[in-house]
Amino acid sequence: MLTEIVDLTRIVQTQEGQQTGAALGVLAVVGLPFGAAFAVLQVLGTNSALGLTVGVVAALVGSGTLLLTRIGRLLLRSLRSSE
C-alpha cells in the first residue's frame, strides 16, 4: 500500500515538472520575439503607433514561426498532454 502511494506521488511530481518545463518553454519562445522587437524599437527611439504596431506584428510572426518548429511543436504537445 505504501509503495503504491510513493509510486503515485513520484508520477504526479514528474508530470507537474514536465508541465512546468513546457509552460516555461512556451513562455520563452513567445517572449523572446516580443523582447527583441521592443528592444529594437527602443534603440531606434520609435514612439509612434505605427512603429509599435509593426513591432507587435513582427513579434507575433516570430512567435508563430518559432512555435511551428520541431521544438515549438514538442513544447505545445507536452503542455497539452499533461492537462
N, C-alpha and C. Protein backbone atom coordinates (compact mmCIF):
# COMPACT_ATOMS: atom_id res chain seq x y z
N MET A 1 0.83 -1.19 0.00
CA MET A 1 0.00 0.00 0.00
C MET A 1 0.88 1.26 0.00
N LEU A 2 1.86 1.29 0.87
CA LEU A 2 2.73 2.44 0.97
C LEU A 2 3.57 2.61 -0.30
N THR A 3 3.97 1.50 -0.89
CA THR A 3 4.74 1.54 -2.13
C THR A 3 3.93 2.15 -3.26
N GLU A 4 2.64 1.82 -3.32
CA GLU A 4 1.77 2.38 -4.35
C GLU A 4 1.62 3.88 -4.19
N ILE A 5 1.50 4.34 -2.96
CA ILE A 5 1.38 5.78 -2.69
C ILE A 5 2.65 6.50 -3.12
N VAL A 6 3.80 5.92 -2.81
CA VAL A 6 5.08 6.51 -3.19
C VAL A 6 5.20 6.57 -4.72
N ASP A 7 4.79 5.50 -5.40
CA ASP A 7 4.85 5.48 -6.86
C ASP A 7 3.94 6.53 -7.48
N LEU A 8 2.72 6.64 -6.95
CA LEU A 8 1.78 7.64 -7.47
C LEU A 8 2.29 9.06 -7.22
N THR A 9 2.89 9.29 -6.07
CA THR A 9 3.46 10.60 -5.77
C THR A 9 4.57 10.93 -6.74
N ARG A 10 5.42 9.97 -7.03
CA ARG A 10 6.52 10.18 -7.98
C ARG A 10 5.98 10.50 -9.38
N ILE A 11 4.93 9.79 -9.79
CA ILE A 11 4.33 10.04 -11.11
C ILE A 11 3.75 11.44 -11.19
N VAL A 12 3.04 11.86 -10.14
CA VAL A 12 2.43 13.19 -10.12
C VAL A 12 3.51 14.27 -10.14
N GLN A 13 4.57 14.09 -9.38
CA GLN A 13 5.65 15.06 -9.36
C GLN A 13 6.34 15.16 -10.72
N THR A 14 6.52 14.04 -11.38
CA THR A 14 7.13 14.04 -12.71
C THR A 14 6.26 14.77 -13.71
N GLN A 15 4.95 14.52 -13.67
CA GLN A 15 4.03 15.19 -14.58
C GLN A 15 3.99 16.69 -14.32
N GLU A 16 4.00 17.09 -13.06
CA GLU A 16 4.00 18.52 -12.72
C GLU A 16 5.28 19.18 -13.22
N GLY A 17 6.40 18.49 -13.07
CA GLY A 17 7.67 19.03 -13.55
C GLY A 17 7.69 19.19 -15.06
N GLN A 18 7.14 18.21 -15.76
CA GLN A 18 7.09 18.30 -17.22
C GLN A 18 6.17 19.43 -17.68
N GLN A 19 5.04 19.60 -17.00
CA GLN A 19 4.12 20.67 -17.36
C GLN A 19 4.74 22.03 -17.09
N THR A 20 5.42 22.17 -15.98
CA THR A 20 6.08 23.43 -15.66
C THR A 20 7.18 23.74 -16.67
N GLY A 21 7.96 22.75 -17.03
CA GLY A 21 9.01 22.94 -18.03
C GLY A 21 8.45 23.33 -19.38
N ALA A 22 7.36 22.70 -19.78
CA ALA A 22 6.74 23.03 -21.07
C ALA A 22 6.17 24.44 -21.04
N ALA A 23 5.54 24.83 -19.94
CA ALA A 23 4.99 26.18 -19.84
C ALA A 23 6.09 27.24 -19.89
N LEU A 24 7.19 26.98 -19.22
CA LEU A 24 8.31 27.93 -19.26
C LEU A 24 8.93 27.99 -20.65
N GLY A 25 8.98 26.87 -21.32
CA GLY A 25 9.49 26.84 -22.69
C GLY A 25 8.62 27.65 -23.64
N VAL A 26 7.31 27.49 -23.53
CA VAL A 26 6.39 28.26 -24.38
C VAL A 26 6.51 29.75 -24.05
N LEU A 27 6.61 30.07 -22.78
CA LEU A 27 6.76 31.48 -22.39
C LEU A 27 8.04 32.07 -22.98
N ALA A 28 9.12 31.32 -22.98
CA ALA A 28 10.37 31.81 -23.55
C ALA A 28 10.27 31.97 -25.06
N VAL A 29 9.63 31.00 -25.72
CA VAL A 29 9.50 31.06 -27.18
C VAL A 29 8.63 32.24 -27.61
N VAL A 30 7.60 32.53 -26.84
CA VAL A 30 6.73 33.65 -27.17
C VAL A 30 7.34 34.97 -26.71
N GLY A 31 7.98 34.98 -25.57
CA GLY A 31 8.52 36.21 -25.02
C GLY A 31 9.76 36.73 -25.72
N LEU A 32 10.56 35.85 -26.26
CA LEU A 32 11.81 36.26 -26.92
C LEU A 32 11.58 37.22 -28.09
N PRO A 33 10.69 36.90 -29.03
CA PRO A 33 10.47 37.85 -30.14
C PRO A 33 9.91 39.20 -29.67
N PHE A 34 9.04 39.19 -28.66
CA PHE A 34 8.49 40.45 -28.16
C PHE A 34 9.58 41.29 -27.50
N GLY A 35 10.42 40.65 -26.71
CA GLY A 35 11.52 41.38 -26.07
C GLY A 35 12.47 41.96 -27.09
N ALA A 36 12.79 41.18 -28.13
CA ALA A 36 13.69 41.67 -29.17
C ALA A 36 13.05 42.82 -29.94
N ALA A 37 11.76 42.68 -30.28
CA ALA A 37 11.08 43.74 -31.04
C ALA A 37 11.03 45.04 -30.25
N PHE A 38 10.67 44.96 -28.98
CA PHE A 38 10.58 46.18 -28.18
C PHE A 38 11.96 46.77 -27.91
N ALA A 39 12.98 45.95 -27.79
CA ALA A 39 14.34 46.46 -27.61
C ALA A 39 14.80 47.22 -28.86
N VAL A 40 14.50 46.66 -30.03
CA VAL A 40 14.87 47.35 -31.28
C VAL A 40 14.13 48.67 -31.39
N LEU A 41 12.85 48.69 -31.05
CA LEU A 41 12.09 49.93 -31.11
C LEU A 41 12.65 50.97 -30.14
N GLN A 42 13.07 50.55 -28.99
CA GLN A 42 13.63 51.49 -28.02
C GLN A 42 14.97 52.03 -28.50
N VAL A 43 15.81 51.18 -29.05
CA VAL A 43 17.11 51.63 -29.56
C VAL A 43 16.92 52.61 -30.70
N LEU A 44 15.93 52.33 -31.55
CA LEU A 44 15.66 53.24 -32.66
C LEU A 44 14.97 54.52 -32.21
N GLY A 45 14.44 54.53 -31.01
CA GLY A 45 13.77 55.72 -30.49
C GLY A 45 12.41 55.94 -31.11
N THR A 46 11.77 54.88 -31.54
CA THR A 46 10.46 54.99 -32.18
C THR A 46 9.38 55.08 -31.12
N ASN A 47 8.59 56.15 -31.19
CA ASN A 47 7.49 56.33 -30.24
C ASN A 47 6.13 56.37 -30.95
N SER A 48 6.11 56.07 -32.23
CA SER A 48 4.86 56.18 -32.99
C SER A 48 4.02 54.91 -32.85
N ALA A 49 2.75 55.07 -33.09
CA ALA A 49 1.84 53.93 -33.06
C ALA A 49 2.15 52.96 -34.19
N LEU A 50 2.56 53.50 -35.33
CA LEU A 50 2.90 52.65 -36.46
C LEU A 50 4.11 51.77 -36.13
N GLY A 51 5.12 52.34 -35.52
CA GLY A 51 6.30 51.57 -35.13
C GLY A 51 5.95 50.48 -34.13
N LEU A 52 5.10 50.81 -33.16
CA LEU A 52 4.67 49.83 -32.17
C LEU A 52 3.86 48.71 -32.83
N THR A 53 3.00 49.06 -33.75
CA THR A 53 2.20 48.06 -34.46
C THR A 53 3.08 47.13 -35.28
N VAL A 54 4.04 47.71 -35.99
CA VAL A 54 4.97 46.89 -36.78
C VAL A 54 5.77 45.96 -35.87
N GLY A 55 6.20 46.47 -34.72
CA GLY A 55 6.95 45.64 -33.77
C GLY A 55 6.12 44.49 -33.23
N VAL A 56 4.87 44.77 -32.88
CA VAL A 56 3.99 43.72 -32.34
C VAL A 56 3.69 42.67 -33.41
N VAL A 57 3.41 43.13 -34.64
CA VAL A 57 3.14 42.18 -35.72
C VAL A 57 4.37 41.32 -36.00
N ALA A 58 5.54 41.94 -36.02
CA ALA A 58 6.77 41.18 -36.25
C ALA A 58 7.00 40.17 -35.13
N ALA A 59 6.70 40.56 -33.89
CA ALA A 59 6.86 39.64 -32.77
C ALA A 59 5.86 38.48 -32.85
N LEU A 60 4.63 38.77 -33.26
CA LEU A 60 3.64 37.70 -33.42
C LEU A 60 4.07 36.72 -34.51
N VAL A 61 4.57 37.25 -35.61
CA VAL A 61 5.05 36.37 -36.69
C VAL A 61 6.24 35.55 -36.21
N GLY A 62 7.15 36.19 -35.49
CA GLY A 62 8.31 35.47 -34.96
C GLY A 62 7.91 34.39 -33.97
N SER A 63 6.96 34.69 -33.09
CA SER A 63 6.49 33.70 -32.12
C SER A 63 5.81 32.54 -32.83
N GLY A 64 4.96 32.86 -33.79
CA GLY A 64 4.28 31.81 -34.55
C GLY A 64 5.26 30.92 -35.29
N THR A 65 6.27 31.55 -35.87
CA THR A 65 7.28 30.78 -36.60
C THR A 65 8.05 29.87 -35.65
N LEU A 66 8.42 30.38 -34.50
CA LEU A 66 9.14 29.54 -33.53
C LEU A 66 8.28 28.40 -33.00
N LEU A 67 6.99 28.64 -32.84
CA LEU A 67 6.11 27.58 -32.36
C LEU A 67 5.85 26.52 -33.43
N LEU A 68 6.11 26.84 -34.68
CA LEU A 68 5.94 25.87 -35.76
C LEU A 68 7.16 24.98 -35.95
N THR A 69 8.26 25.31 -35.29
CA THR A 69 9.45 24.48 -35.39
C THR A 69 9.23 23.18 -34.62
N ARG A 70 10.14 22.26 -34.79
CA ARG A 70 10.04 20.96 -34.13
C ARG A 70 9.99 21.12 -32.61
N ILE A 71 10.84 21.97 -32.07
CA ILE A 71 10.89 22.17 -30.62
C ILE A 71 9.62 22.86 -30.13
N GLY A 72 9.13 23.84 -30.89
CA GLY A 72 7.89 24.52 -30.52
C GLY A 72 6.71 23.57 -30.48
N ARG A 73 6.61 22.70 -31.48
CA ARG A 73 5.53 21.71 -31.51
C ARG A 73 5.66 20.74 -30.34
N LEU A 74 6.88 20.36 -30.01
CA LEU A 74 7.12 19.47 -28.88
C LEU A 74 6.68 20.11 -27.57
N LEU A 75 6.99 21.39 -27.41
CA LEU A 75 6.58 22.11 -26.20
C LEU A 75 5.06 22.17 -26.10
N LEU A 76 4.40 22.50 -27.20
CA LEU A 76 2.94 22.58 -27.18
C LEU A 76 2.32 21.22 -26.91
N ARG A 77 2.89 20.18 -27.51
CA ARG A 77 2.38 18.83 -27.29
C ARG A 77 2.56 18.42 -25.83
N SER A 78 3.69 18.77 -25.24
CA SER A 78 3.94 18.44 -23.82
C SER A 78 2.96 19.18 -22.92
N LEU A 79 2.67 20.41 -23.28
CA LEU A 79 1.75 21.20 -22.47
C LEU A 79 0.33 20.64 -22.58
N ARG A 80 -0.07 20.24 -23.76
CA ARG A 80 -1.42 19.68 -23.97
C ARG A 80 -1.58 18.31 -23.33
N SER A 81 -0.57 17.47 -23.44
CA SER A 81 -0.71 16.10 -22.95
C SER A 81 -0.74 16.03 -21.43
N SER A 82 -0.23 17.03 -20.76
CA SER A 82 -0.19 16.99 -19.31
C SER A 82 -1.46 17.53 -18.67
N GLU A 83 -2.36 18.07 -19.45
CA GLU A 83 -3.61 18.61 -18.89
C GLU A 83 -4.61 17.52 -18.62
